[in-house]
Amino acid sequence: MSWIQLGGSLAAILFLAGFARWLKLGESRIADAATARRFAEESLAGFVAGPALVAPNGDAALVAGGGAIALLKRHGANVAVRRLIPPLA
């Protein structure tokens, strides 16, 4: 393998990584309460989001609404959403 081929491969990898970052691919951070409400409503059928509480690092959130609580957690490049129905133990 020549140095030119190695340098070209490295440049291509860095370009693609930068392009993916620019497109925000794989980003699942829960930035604010509005984002948490949107994730909850999109993931749970019939869920109408209300007040939301988001962790300071954006890894988790709680969203109240419709007599239930939506629990959001980052799971790799996605956000996992679960519906919690009272009474909670």
N, C-alpha and C. Protein backbone atom coordinates (compact mmCIF):
# COMPACT_ATOMS: atom_id res chain seq x y z
N MET A 1 0.85 -1.17 0.00
CA MET A 1 0.00 0.00 0.00
C MET A 1 0.90 1.24 0.00
N SER A 2 0.59 2.16 -0.87
CA SER A 2 1.40 3.36 -0.96
C SER A 2 0.91 4.42 0.02
N TRP A 3 1.76 5.40 0.27
CA TRP A 3 1.41 6.48 1.18
C TRP A 3 0.29 7.34 0.62
N ILE A 4 0.25 7.48 -0.70
CA ILE A 4 -0.82 8.26 -1.33
C ILE A 4 -2.17 7.58 -1.13
N GLN A 5 -2.21 6.27 -1.29
CA GLN A 5 -3.44 5.52 -1.11
C GLN A 5 -3.89 5.58 0.36
N LEU A 6 -2.95 5.46 1.27
CA LEU A 6 -3.26 5.54 2.69
C LEU A 6 -3.80 6.93 3.05
N GLY A 7 -3.14 7.97 2.56
CA GLY A 7 -3.59 9.34 2.83
C GLY A 7 -4.96 9.62 2.24
N GLY A 8 -5.20 9.12 1.02
CA GLY A 8 -6.51 9.30 0.39
C GLY A 8 -7.62 8.60 1.15
N SER A 9 -7.33 7.39 1.64
CA SER A 9 -8.32 6.65 2.42
C SER A 9 -8.63 7.37 3.72
N LEU A 10 -7.60 7.86 4.37
CA LEU A 10 -7.80 8.59 5.63
C LEU A 10 -8.60 9.87 5.39
N ALA A 11 -8.30 10.59 4.33
CA ALA A 11 -9.03 11.82 4.01
C ALA A 11 -10.51 11.51 3.72
N ALA A 12 -10.78 10.42 3.00
CA ALA A 12 -12.16 10.04 2.70
C ALA A 12 -12.93 9.68 3.96
N ILE A 13 -12.30 8.96 4.87
CA ILE A 13 -12.95 8.59 6.13
C ILE A 13 -13.26 9.83 6.95
N LEU A 14 -12.32 10.75 7.05
CA LEU A 14 -12.55 11.98 7.81
C LEU A 14 -13.64 12.84 7.17
N PHE A 15 -13.68 12.88 5.84
CA PHE A 15 -14.72 13.63 5.15
C PHE A 15 -16.09 13.05 5.44
N LEU A 16 -16.23 11.72 5.35
CA LEU A 16 -17.52 11.08 5.61
C LEU A 16 -17.96 11.24 7.07
N ALA A 17 -17.02 11.17 8.00
CA ALA A 17 -17.35 11.37 9.41
C ALA A 17 -17.82 12.81 9.64
N GLY A 18 -17.15 13.76 9.04
CA GLY A 18 -17.56 15.16 9.16
C GLY A 18 -18.92 15.41 8.54
N PHE A 19 -19.20 14.78 7.41
CA PHE A 19 -20.48 14.93 6.73
C PHE A 19 -21.61 14.35 7.57
N ALA A 20 -21.39 13.19 8.17
CA ALA A 20 -22.40 12.57 9.05
C ALA A 20 -22.65 13.44 10.27
N ARG A 21 -21.61 14.04 10.81
CA ARG A 21 -21.77 14.93 11.96
C ARG A 21 -22.55 16.18 11.57
N TRP A 22 -22.27 16.72 10.39
CA TRP A 22 -22.97 17.91 9.89
C TRP A 22 -24.46 17.63 9.70
N LEU A 23 -24.80 16.42 9.23
CA LEU A 23 -26.19 16.03 9.05
C LEU A 23 -26.86 15.62 10.37
N LYS A 24 -26.07 15.55 11.44
CA LYS A 24 -26.54 15.14 12.77
C LYS A 24 -27.11 13.73 12.75
N LEU A 25 -26.47 12.85 11.99
CA LEU A 25 -26.89 11.45 11.96
C LEU A 25 -26.47 10.77 13.25
N GLY A 26 -27.35 9.97 13.80
CA GLY A 26 -27.04 9.24 15.02
C GLY A 26 -27.16 10.07 16.28
N GLU A 27 -27.63 11.31 16.15
CA GLU A 27 -27.76 12.15 17.33
C GLU A 27 -29.12 11.91 17.98
N SER A 28 -29.11 11.52 19.22
CA SER A 28 -30.37 11.24 19.91
C SER A 28 -30.49 12.00 21.22
N ARG A 29 -29.70 13.04 21.38
CA ARG A 29 -29.73 13.81 22.62
C ARG A 29 -31.10 14.46 22.79
N ILE A 30 -31.62 14.39 23.99
CA ILE A 30 -32.89 15.02 24.31
C ILE A 30 -32.54 16.44 24.77
N ALA A 31 -32.60 17.39 23.85
CA ALA A 31 -32.07 18.73 24.09
C ALA A 31 -32.89 19.54 25.08
N ASP A 32 -34.21 19.48 24.97
CA ASP A 32 -35.05 20.31 25.83
C ASP A 32 -36.41 19.65 26.00
N ALA A 33 -37.29 20.35 26.73
CA ALA A 33 -38.62 19.80 27.02
C ALA A 33 -39.44 19.61 25.74
N ALA A 34 -39.33 20.51 24.80
CA ALA A 34 -40.09 20.40 23.55
C ALA A 34 -39.67 19.15 22.77
N THR A 35 -38.38 18.87 22.75
CA THR A 35 -37.89 17.67 22.07
C THR A 35 -38.38 16.42 22.77
N ALA A 36 -38.39 16.43 24.10
CA ALA A 36 -38.88 15.28 24.86
C ALA A 36 -40.36 15.04 24.58
N ARG A 37 -41.16 16.11 24.54
CA ARG A 37 -42.58 15.96 24.24
C ARG A 37 -42.79 15.41 22.83
N ARG A 38 -41.99 15.89 21.87
CA ARG A 38 -42.11 15.40 20.49
C ARG A 38 -41.77 13.91 20.40
N PHE A 39 -40.67 13.49 21.04
CA PHE A 39 -40.30 12.07 21.05
C PHE A 39 -41.41 11.22 21.66
N ALA A 40 -41.98 11.68 22.77
CA ALA A 40 -43.03 10.91 23.45
C ALA A 40 -44.27 10.78 22.58
N GLU A 41 -44.71 11.87 21.97
CA GLU A 41 -45.92 11.82 21.14
C GLU A 41 -45.72 10.99 19.88
N GLU A 42 -44.51 11.03 19.30
CA GLU A 42 -44.25 10.25 18.10
C GLU A 42 -44.13 8.75 18.39
N SER A 43 -43.68 8.40 19.59
CA SER A 43 -43.41 7.00 19.90
C SER A 43 -44.58 6.27 20.53
N LEU A 44 -45.44 6.98 21.25
CA LEU A 44 -46.54 6.34 21.96
C LEU A 44 -47.86 6.72 21.32
N ALA A 45 -48.61 5.74 20.89
CA ALA A 45 -49.91 5.98 20.24
C ALA A 45 -50.89 6.61 21.21
N GLY A 46 -51.51 7.70 20.81
CA GLY A 46 -52.52 8.35 21.61
C GLY A 46 -52.01 9.15 22.78
N PHE A 47 -50.71 9.32 22.90
CA PHE A 47 -50.13 10.06 24.03
C PHE A 47 -50.16 11.55 23.71
N VAL A 48 -50.75 12.33 24.60
CA VAL A 48 -50.76 13.79 24.46
C VAL A 48 -49.83 14.34 25.54
N ALA A 49 -48.72 14.89 25.14
CA ALA A 49 -47.68 15.31 26.07
C ALA A 49 -48.06 16.57 26.82
N GLY A 50 -47.63 16.58 28.08
CA GLY A 50 -47.81 17.74 28.95
C GLY A 50 -46.46 18.23 29.42
N PRO A 51 -46.33 18.55 30.71
CA PRO A 51 -45.06 19.02 31.24
C PRO A 51 -43.97 17.96 31.12
N ALA A 52 -42.74 18.41 30.90
CA ALA A 52 -41.61 17.49 30.74
C ALA A 52 -40.46 17.90 31.64
N LEU A 53 -39.72 16.91 32.11
CA LEU A 53 -38.53 17.11 32.92
C LEU A 53 -37.38 16.40 32.22
N VAL A 54 -36.34 17.16 31.87
CA VAL A 54 -35.22 16.62 31.10
C VAL A 54 -33.96 16.62 31.96
N ALA A 55 -33.18 15.54 31.89
CA ALA A 55 -31.92 15.46 32.61
C ALA A 55 -30.94 16.50 32.06
N PRO A 56 -30.07 17.04 32.89
CA PRO A 56 -29.15 18.09 32.45
C PRO A 56 -28.23 17.66 31.29
N ASN A 57 -27.87 16.37 31.24
CA ASN A 57 -26.99 15.91 30.16
C ASN A 57 -27.75 15.44 28.93
N GLY A 58 -29.07 15.47 28.94
CA GLY A 58 -29.87 15.09 27.77
C GLY A 58 -29.99 13.60 27.54
N ASP A 59 -29.66 12.80 28.53
CA ASP A 59 -29.72 11.34 28.37
C ASP A 59 -31.08 10.74 28.71
N ALA A 60 -31.93 11.46 29.46
CA ALA A 60 -33.21 10.90 29.88
C ALA A 60 -34.21 12.03 30.10
N ALA A 61 -35.50 11.64 30.12
CA ALA A 61 -36.55 12.63 30.37
C ALA A 61 -37.80 11.92 30.86
N LEU A 62 -38.64 12.66 31.55
CA LEU A 62 -39.96 12.22 31.97
C LEU A 62 -40.97 13.21 31.39
N VAL A 63 -42.03 12.67 30.77
CA VAL A 63 -43.07 13.52 30.19
C VAL A 63 -44.41 13.05 30.72
N ALA A 64 -45.17 13.96 31.33
CA ALA A 64 -46.50 13.63 31.84
C ALA A 64 -47.53 13.92 30.76
N GLY A 65 -48.61 13.15 30.80
CA GLY A 65 -49.68 13.42 29.85
C GLY A 65 -50.69 12.30 29.78
N GLY A 66 -51.96 12.65 29.71
CA GLY A 66 -53.01 11.66 29.53
C GLY A 66 -53.12 10.63 30.62
N GLY A 67 -52.81 10.98 31.85
CA GLY A 67 -52.90 10.03 32.95
C GLY A 67 -51.77 9.02 32.99
N ALA A 68 -50.74 9.24 32.22
CA ALA A 68 -49.58 8.34 32.19
C ALA A 68 -48.31 9.18 32.18
N ILE A 69 -47.19 8.50 32.31
CA ILE A 69 -45.89 9.16 32.26
C ILE A 69 -45.07 8.45 31.20
N ALA A 70 -44.44 9.22 30.34
CA ALA A 70 -43.54 8.65 29.34
C ALA A 70 -42.12 8.76 29.86
N LEU A 71 -41.41 7.65 29.86
CA LEU A 71 -40.02 7.61 30.29
C LEU A 71 -39.17 7.52 29.03
N LEU A 72 -38.29 8.49 28.81
CA LEU A 72 -37.43 8.52 27.63
C LEU A 72 -35.99 8.33 28.07
N LYS A 73 -35.25 7.50 27.31
CA LYS A 73 -33.86 7.23 27.63
C LYS A 73 -33.09 7.05 26.34
N ARG A 74 -31.90 7.63 26.27
CA ARG A 74 -31.06 7.41 25.10
C ARG A 74 -30.63 5.95 25.07
N HIS A 75 -30.70 5.38 23.89
CA HIS A 75 -30.32 3.98 23.70
C HIS A 75 -29.52 3.92 22.40
N GLY A 76 -28.23 4.16 22.49
CA GLY A 76 -27.40 4.21 21.30
C GLY A 76 -27.73 5.44 20.47
N ALA A 77 -28.04 5.23 19.20
CA ALA A 77 -28.38 6.35 18.32
C ALA A 77 -29.87 6.65 18.33
N ASN A 78 -30.62 5.98 19.17
CA ASN A 78 -32.07 6.16 19.23
C ASN A 78 -32.50 6.57 20.62
N VAL A 79 -33.78 6.86 20.75
CA VAL A 79 -34.36 7.16 22.05
C VAL A 79 -35.42 6.11 22.34
N ALA A 80 -35.26 5.40 23.46
CA ALA A 80 -36.24 4.41 23.87
C ALA A 80 -37.31 5.10 24.71
N VAL A 81 -38.58 4.82 24.42
CA VAL A 81 -39.69 5.45 25.12
C VAL A 81 -40.59 4.36 25.70
N ARG A 82 -40.94 4.51 26.97
CA ARG A 82 -41.83 3.56 27.64
C ARG A 82 -42.95 4.32 28.30
N ARG A 83 -44.16 3.75 28.28
CA ARG A 83 -45.31 4.34 28.95
C ARG A 83 -45.45 3.73 30.32
N LEU A 84 -45.51 4.58 31.34
CA LEU A 84 -45.70 4.14 32.72
C LEU A 84 -47.10 4.57 33.15
N ILE A 85 -47.89 3.61 33.62
CA ILE A 85 -49.27 3.88 34.01
C ILE A 85 -49.38 3.75 35.53
N PRO A 86 -49.94 4.77 36.20
CA PRO A 86 -50.07 4.70 37.66
C PRO A 86 -50.99 3.54 38.07
N PRO A 87 -50.85 2.98 39.23
CA PRO A 87 -49.93 3.37 40.29
C PRO A 87 -48.52 2.82 40.03
N LEU A 88 -47.56 3.65 40.26
CA LEU A 88 -46.16 3.25 40.09
C LEU A 88 -45.62 2.73 41.41
N ALA A 89 -44.90 1.62 41.34
CA ALA A 89 -44.34 1.05 42.56
C ALA A 89 -42.84 1.14 42.54
